[in-house]
Amino acid sequence: MDEDEYLGLTGEQAERLAAERGWRTVRVLAPGALVTLEYREDRLNLQLRDGRVERCWQG
């Protein structure tokens, strides 16, 4: 997975790209949001700031 490909995309664009690439679960988060510590291999996390992806990671 190349996380950099998601950086700068709008949340909608990133979610669409993730679905096209087979991600079963996409979690959209605000900066500083509390997240669970469970690791899920099939989950892509997208952190948005002002509607654009600023961070992306698996789990």
PDB file of N, CA and C in Angstrom:
ATOM      1  N   MET A   1       0.843  -1.181   0.000  1.00  0.00           N
ATOM      2  CA  MET A   1       0.000   0.000   0.000  1.00  0.00           C
ATOM      3  C   MET A   1       0.887   1.243   0.000  1.00  0.00           C
ATOM      4  N   ASP A   2       0.527   2.216  -0.808  1.00  0.00           N
ATOM      5  CA  ASP A   2       1.269   3.470  -0.852  1.00  0.00           C
ATOM      6  C   ASP A   2       0.391   4.567  -0.257  1.00  0.00           C
ATOM      7  N   GLU A   3       0.602   4.851   1.019  1.00  0.00           N
ATOM      8  CA  GLU A   3      -0.215   5.842   1.720  1.00  0.00           C
ATOM      9  C   GLU A   3      -0.148   7.226   1.088  1.00  0.00           C
ATOM     10  N   ASP A   4       0.991   7.545   0.495  1.00  0.00           N
ATOM     11  CA  ASP A   4       1.177   8.872  -0.091  1.00  0.00           C
ATOM     12  C   ASP A   4       0.175   9.169  -1.198  1.00  0.00           C
ATOM     13  N   GLU A   5      -0.350   8.137  -1.852  1.00  0.00           N
ATOM     14  CA  GLU A   5      -1.310   8.357  -2.929  1.00  0.00           C
ATOM     15  C   GLU A   5      -2.609   8.984  -2.428  1.00  0.00           C
ATOM     16  N   TYR A   6      -2.910   8.854  -1.155  1.00  0.00           N
ATOM     17  CA  TYR A   6      -4.141   9.386  -0.587  1.00  0.00           C
ATOM     18  C   TYR A   6      -3.981  10.820  -0.080  1.00  0.00           C
ATOM     19  N   LEU A   7      -2.756  11.211   0.210  1.00  0.00           N
ATOM     20  CA  LEU A   7      -2.517  12.530   0.790  1.00  0.00           C
ATOM     21  C   LEU A   7      -2.984  13.641  -0.141  1.00  0.00           C
ATOM     22  N   GLY A   8      -3.729  14.576   0.412  1.00  0.00           N
ATOM     23  CA  GLY A   8      -4.214  15.720  -0.350  1.00  0.00           C
ATOM     24  C   GLY A   8      -5.553  15.508  -1.031  1.00  0.00           C
ATOM     25  N   LEU A   9      -6.006  14.252  -1.119  1.00  0.00           N
ATOM     26  CA  LEU A   9      -7.315  13.994  -1.722  1.00  0.00           C
ATOM     27  C   LEU A   9      -8.428  14.434  -0.772  1.00  0.00           C
ATOM     28  N   THR A  10      -9.588  14.733  -1.328  1.00  0.00           N
ATOM     29  CA  THR A  10     -10.738  14.987  -0.463  1.00  0.00           C
ATOM     30  C   THR A  10     -11.130  13.656   0.180  1.00  0.00           C
ATOM     31  N   GLY A  11     -11.887  13.726   1.250  1.00  0.00           N
ATOM     32  CA  GLY A  11     -12.339  12.508   1.894  1.00  0.00           C
ATOM     33  C   GLY A  11     -13.103  11.609   0.942  1.00  0.00           C
ATOM     34  N   GLU A  12     -13.959  12.204   0.134  1.00  0.00           N
ATOM     35  CA  GLU A  12     -14.759  11.433  -0.825  1.00  0.00           C
ATOM     36  C   GLU A  12     -13.867  10.749  -1.861  1.00  0.00           C
ATOM     37  N   GLN A  13     -12.899  11.472  -2.389  1.00  0.00           N
ATOM     38  CA  GLN A  13     -11.987  10.896  -3.379  1.00  0.00           C
ATOM     39  C   GLN A  13     -11.191   9.747  -2.768  1.00  0.00           C
ATOM     40  N   ALA A  14     -10.711   9.935  -1.550  1.00  0.00           N
ATOM     41  CA  ALA A  14      -9.908   8.912  -0.891  1.00  0.00           C
ATOM     42  C   ALA A  14     -10.738   7.664  -0.595  1.00  0.00           C
ATOM     43  N   GLU A  15     -11.967   7.842  -0.149  1.00  0.00           N
ATOM     44  CA  GLU A  15     -12.834   6.697   0.124  1.00  0.00           C
ATOM     45  C   GLU A  15     -13.136   5.925  -1.156  1.00  0.00           C
ATOM     46  N   ARG A  16     -13.357   6.638  -2.239  1.00  0.00           N
ATOM     47  CA  ARG A  16     -13.622   5.987  -3.528  1.00  0.00           C
ATOM     48  C   ARG A  16     -12.393   5.193  -3.989  1.00  0.00           C
ATOM     49  N   LEU A  17     -11.206   5.795  -3.888  1.00  0.00           N
ATOM     50  CA  LEU A  17      -9.969   5.124  -4.271  1.00  0.00           C
ATOM     51  C   LEU A  17      -9.749   3.878  -3.409  1.00  0.00           C
ATOM     52  N   ALA A  18     -10.000   3.997  -2.120  1.00  0.00           N
ATOM     53  CA  ALA A  18      -9.832   2.862  -1.211  1.00  0.00           C
ATOM     54  C   ALA A  18     -10.770   1.720  -1.601  1.00  0.00           C
ATOM     55  N   ALA A  19     -12.009   2.039  -1.926  1.00  0.00           N
ATOM     56  CA  ALA A  19     -12.975   1.008  -2.334  1.00  0.00           C
ATOM     57  C   ALA A  19     -12.520   0.335  -3.628  1.00  0.00           C
ATOM     58  N   GLU A  20     -12.011   1.116  -4.566  1.00  0.00           N
ATOM     59  CA  GLU A  20     -11.523   0.561  -5.832  1.00  0.00           C
ATOM     60  C   GLU A  20     -10.347  -0.384  -5.599  1.00  0.00           C
ATOM     61  N   ARG A  21      -9.582  -0.113  -4.563  1.00  0.00           N
ATOM     62  CA  ARG A  21      -8.402  -0.934  -4.262  1.00  0.00           C
ATOM     63  C   ARG A  21      -8.710  -2.079  -3.315  1.00  0.00           C
ATOM     64  N   GLY A  22      -9.992  -2.253  -2.974  1.00  0.00           N
ATOM     65  CA  GLY A  22     -10.391  -3.421  -2.203  1.00  0.00           C
ATOM     66  C   GLY A  22     -10.410  -3.287  -0.701  1.00  0.00           C
ATOM     67  N   TRP A  23     -10.262  -2.076  -0.185  1.00  0.00           N
ATOM     68  CA  TRP A  23     -10.339  -1.905   1.264  1.00  0.00           C
ATOM     69  C   TRP A  23     -11.758  -2.161   1.731  1.00  0.00           C
ATOM     70  N   ARG A  24     -11.900  -3.074   2.684  1.00  0.00           N
ATOM     71  CA  ARG A  24     -13.231  -3.452   3.177  1.00  0.00           C
ATOM     72  C   ARG A  24     -13.780  -2.429   4.156  1.00  0.00           C
ATOM     73  N   THR A  25     -12.904  -1.824   4.942  1.00  0.00           N
ATOM     74  CA  THR A  25     -13.323  -0.840   5.933  1.00  0.00           C
ATOM     75  C   THR A  25     -12.447   0.395   5.807  1.00  0.00           C
ATOM     76  N   VAL A  26     -13.083   1.552   5.726  1.00  0.00           N
ATOM     77  CA  VAL A  26     -12.368   2.823   5.688  1.00  0.00           C
ATOM     78  C   VAL A  26     -12.885   3.666   6.850  1.00  0.00           C
ATOM     79  N   ARG A  27     -11.974   4.113   7.698  1.00  0.00           N
ATOM     80  CA  ARG A  27     -12.357   4.929   8.858  1.00  0.00           C
ATOM     81  C   ARG A  27     -11.827   6.335   8.641  1.00  0.00           C
ATOM     82  N   VAL A  28     -12.730   7.304   8.664  1.00  0.00           N
ATOM     83  CA  VAL A  28     -12.378   8.711   8.476  1.00  0.00           C
ATOM     84  C   VAL A  28     -12.332   9.367   9.848  1.00  0.00           C
ATOM     85  N   LEU A  29     -11.218  10.027  10.136  1.00  0.00           N
ATOM     86  CA  LEU A  29     -10.989  10.608  11.454  1.00  0.00           C
ATOM     87  C   LEU A  29     -10.616  12.080  11.355  1.00  0.00           C
ATOM     88  N   ALA A  30     -11.033  12.823  12.359  1.00  0.00           N
ATOM     89  CA  ALA A  30     -10.604  14.217  12.493  1.00  0.00           C
ATOM     90  C   ALA A  30      -9.267  14.225  13.235  1.00  0.00           C
ATOM     91  N   PRO A  31      -8.459  15.260  13.063  1.00  0.00           N
ATOM     92  CA  PRO A  31      -7.195  15.342  13.799  1.00  0.00           C
ATOM     93  C   PRO A  31      -7.468  15.274  15.307  1.00  0.00           C
ATOM     94  N   GLY A  32      -6.682  14.471  15.994  1.00  0.00           N
ATOM     95  CA  GLY A  32      -6.820  14.365  17.441  1.00  0.00           C
ATOM     96  C   GLY A  32      -7.960  13.478  17.916  1.00  0.00           C
ATOM     97  N   ALA A  33      -8.658  12.842  16.985  1.00  0.00           N
ATOM     98  CA  ALA A  33      -9.777  11.973  17.357  1.00  0.00           C
ATOM     99  C   ALA A  33      -9.264  10.774  18.149  1.00  0.00           C
ATOM    100  N   LEU A  34     -10.055  10.326  19.111  1.00  0.00           N
ATOM    101  CA  LEU A  34      -9.715   9.127  19.856  1.00  0.00           C
ATOM    102  C   LEU A  34     -10.011   7.913  18.985  1.00  0.00           C
ATOM    103  N   VAL A  35      -9.089   6.971  18.960  1.00  0.00           N
ATOM    104  CA  VAL A  35      -9.259   5.776  18.147  1.00  0.00           C
ATOM    105  C   VAL A  35      -9.033   4.542  19.013  1.00  0.00           C
ATOM    106  N   THR A  36      -9.639   3.439  18.617  1.00  0.00           N
ATOM    107  CA  THR A  36      -9.418   2.191  19.325  1.00  0.00           C
ATOM    108  C   THR A  36      -8.023   1.676  18.997  1.00  0.00           C
ATOM    109  N   LEU A  37      -7.488   0.860  19.876  1.00  0.00           N
ATOM    110  CA  LEU A  37      -6.140   0.341  19.679  1.00  0.00           C
ATOM    111  C   LEU A  37      -6.133  -1.013  18.976  1.00  0.00           C
ATOM    112  N   GLU A  38      -7.311  -1.527  18.656  1.00  0.00           N
ATOM    113  CA  GLU A  38      -7.366  -2.807  17.959  1.00  0.00           C
ATOM    114  C   GLU A  38      -6.816  -2.640  16.541  1.00  0.00           C
ATOM    115  N   TYR A  39      -6.012  -3.597  16.135  1.00  0.00           N
ATOM    116  CA  TYR A  39      -5.453  -3.557  14.790  1.00  0.00           C
ATOM    117  C   TYR A  39      -6.308  -4.420  13.883  1.00  0.00           C
ATOM    118  N   ARG A  40      -6.748  -3.846  12.792  1.00  0.00           N
ATOM    119  CA  ARG A  40      -7.524  -4.590  11.797  1.00  0.00           C
ATOM    120  C   ARG A  40      -6.821  -4.456  10.460  1.00  0.00           C
ATOM    121  N   GLU A  41      -6.336  -5.569   9.973  1.00  0.00           N
ATOM    122  CA  GLU A  41      -5.572  -5.589   8.730  1.00  0.00           C
ATOM    123  C   GLU A  41      -6.378  -5.083   7.531  1.00  0.00           C
ATOM    124  N   ASP A  42      -7.693  -5.239   7.586  1.00  0.00           N
ATOM    125  CA  ASP A  42      -8.551  -4.856   6.455  1.00  0.00           C
ATOM    126  C   ASP A  42      -9.069  -3.424   6.552  1.00  0.00           C
ATOM    127  N   ARG A  43      -8.528  -2.631   7.485  1.00  0.00           N
ATOM    128  CA  ARG A  43      -9.026  -1.263   7.677  1.00  0.00           C
ATOM    129  C   ARG A  43      -7.986  -0.230   7.240  1.00  0.00           C
ATOM    130  N   LEU A  44      -8.469   0.774   6.515  1.00  0.00           N
ATOM    131  CA  LEU A  44      -7.659   1.920   6.118  1.00  0.00           C
ATOM    132  C   LEU A  44      -8.157   3.120   6.910  1.00  0.00           C
ATOM    133  N   ASN A  45      -7.256   3.797   7.573  1.00  0.00           N
ATOM    134  CA  ASN A  45      -7.592   4.987   8.352  1.00  0.00           C
ATOM    135  C   ASN A  45      -7.188   6.233   7.584  1.00  0.00           C
ATOM    136  N   LEU A  46      -8.095   7.170   7.501  1.00  0.00           N
ATOM    137  CA  LEU A  46      -7.831   8.437   6.823  1.00  0.00           C
ATOM    138  C   LEU A  46      -8.057   9.571   7.812  1.00  0.00           C
ATOM    139  N   GLN A  47      -7.041  10.337   8.054  1.00  0.00           N
ATOM    140  CA  GLN A  47      -7.185  11.509   8.920  1.00  0.00           C
ATOM    141  C   GLN A  47      -7.334  12.739   8.037  1.00  0.00           C
ATOM    142  N   LEU A  48      -8.426  13.460   8.231  1.00  0.00           N
ATOM    143  CA  LEU A  48      -8.717  14.630   7.399  1.00  0.00           C
ATOM    144  C   LEU A  48      -8.509  15.923   8.172  1.00  0.00           C
ATOM    145  N   ARG A  49      -8.046  16.912   7.480  1.00  0.00           N
ATOM    146  CA  ARG A  49      -7.987  18.284   8.002  1.00  0.00           C
ATOM    147  C   ARG A  49      -8.520  19.175   6.899  1.00  0.00           C
ATOM    148  N   ASP A  50      -9.533  19.954   7.217  1.00  0.00           N
ATOM    149  CA  ASP A  50     -10.176  20.834   6.239  1.00  0.00           C
ATOM    150  C   ASP A  50     -10.644  20.054   5.011  1.00  0.00           C
ATOM    151  N   GLY A  51     -11.131  18.819   5.257  1.00  0.00           N
ATOM    152  CA  GLY A  51     -11.720  18.029   4.186  1.00  0.00           C
ATOM    153  C   GLY A  51     -10.746  17.278   3.305  1.00  0.00           C
ATOM    154  N   ARG A  52      -9.446  17.352   3.615  1.00  0.00           N
ATOM    155  CA  ARG A  52      -8.433  16.681   2.801  1.00  0.00           C
ATOM    156  C   ARG A  52      -7.599  15.739   3.662  1.00  0.00           C
ATOM    157  N   VAL A  53      -7.153  14.658   3.051  1.00  0.00           N
ATOM    158  CA  VAL A  53      -6.371  13.653   3.775  1.00  0.00           C
ATOM    159  C   VAL A  53      -4.995  14.220   4.095  1.00  0.00           C
ATOM    160  N   GLU A  54      -4.658  14.196   5.399  1.00  0.00           N
ATOM    161  CA  GLU A  54      -3.327  14.645   5.802  1.00  0.00           C
ATOM    162  C   GLU A  54      -2.488  13.486   6.349  1.00  0.00           C
ATOM    163  N   ARG A  55      -3.161  12.362   6.637  1.00  0.00           N
ATOM    164  CA  ARG A  55      -2.459  11.172   7.119  1.00  0.00           C
ATOM    165  C   ARG A  55      -3.271   9.945   6.746  1.00  0.00           C
ATOM    166  N   CYS A  56      -2.586   8.855   6.458  1.00  0.00           N
ATOM    167  CA  CYS A  56      -3.241   7.628   6.051  1.00  0.00           C
ATOM    168  C   CYS A  56      -2.430   6.452   6.581  1.00  0.00           C
ATOM    169  N   TRP A  57      -3.109   5.447   7.174  1.00  0.00           N
ATOM    170  CA  TRP A  57      -2.415   4.270   7.662  1.00  0.00           C
ATOM    171  C   TRP A  57      -3.339   3.075   7.743  1.00  0.00           C
ATOM    172  N   GLN A  58      -2.733   1.922   7.673  1.00  0.00           N
ATOM    173  CA  GLN A  58      -3.474   0.671   7.747  1.00  0.00           C
ATOM    174  C   GLN A  58      -3.651   0.265   9.199  1.00  0.00           C
ATOM    175  N   GLY A  59      -4.782  -0.344   9.493  1.00  0.00           N
ATOM    176  CA  GLY A  59      -4.990  -0.879  10.839  1.00  0.00           C
ATOM    177  C   GLY A  59      -6.183  -0.341  11.463  1.00  0.00           C
TER     178      GLY A  59
END
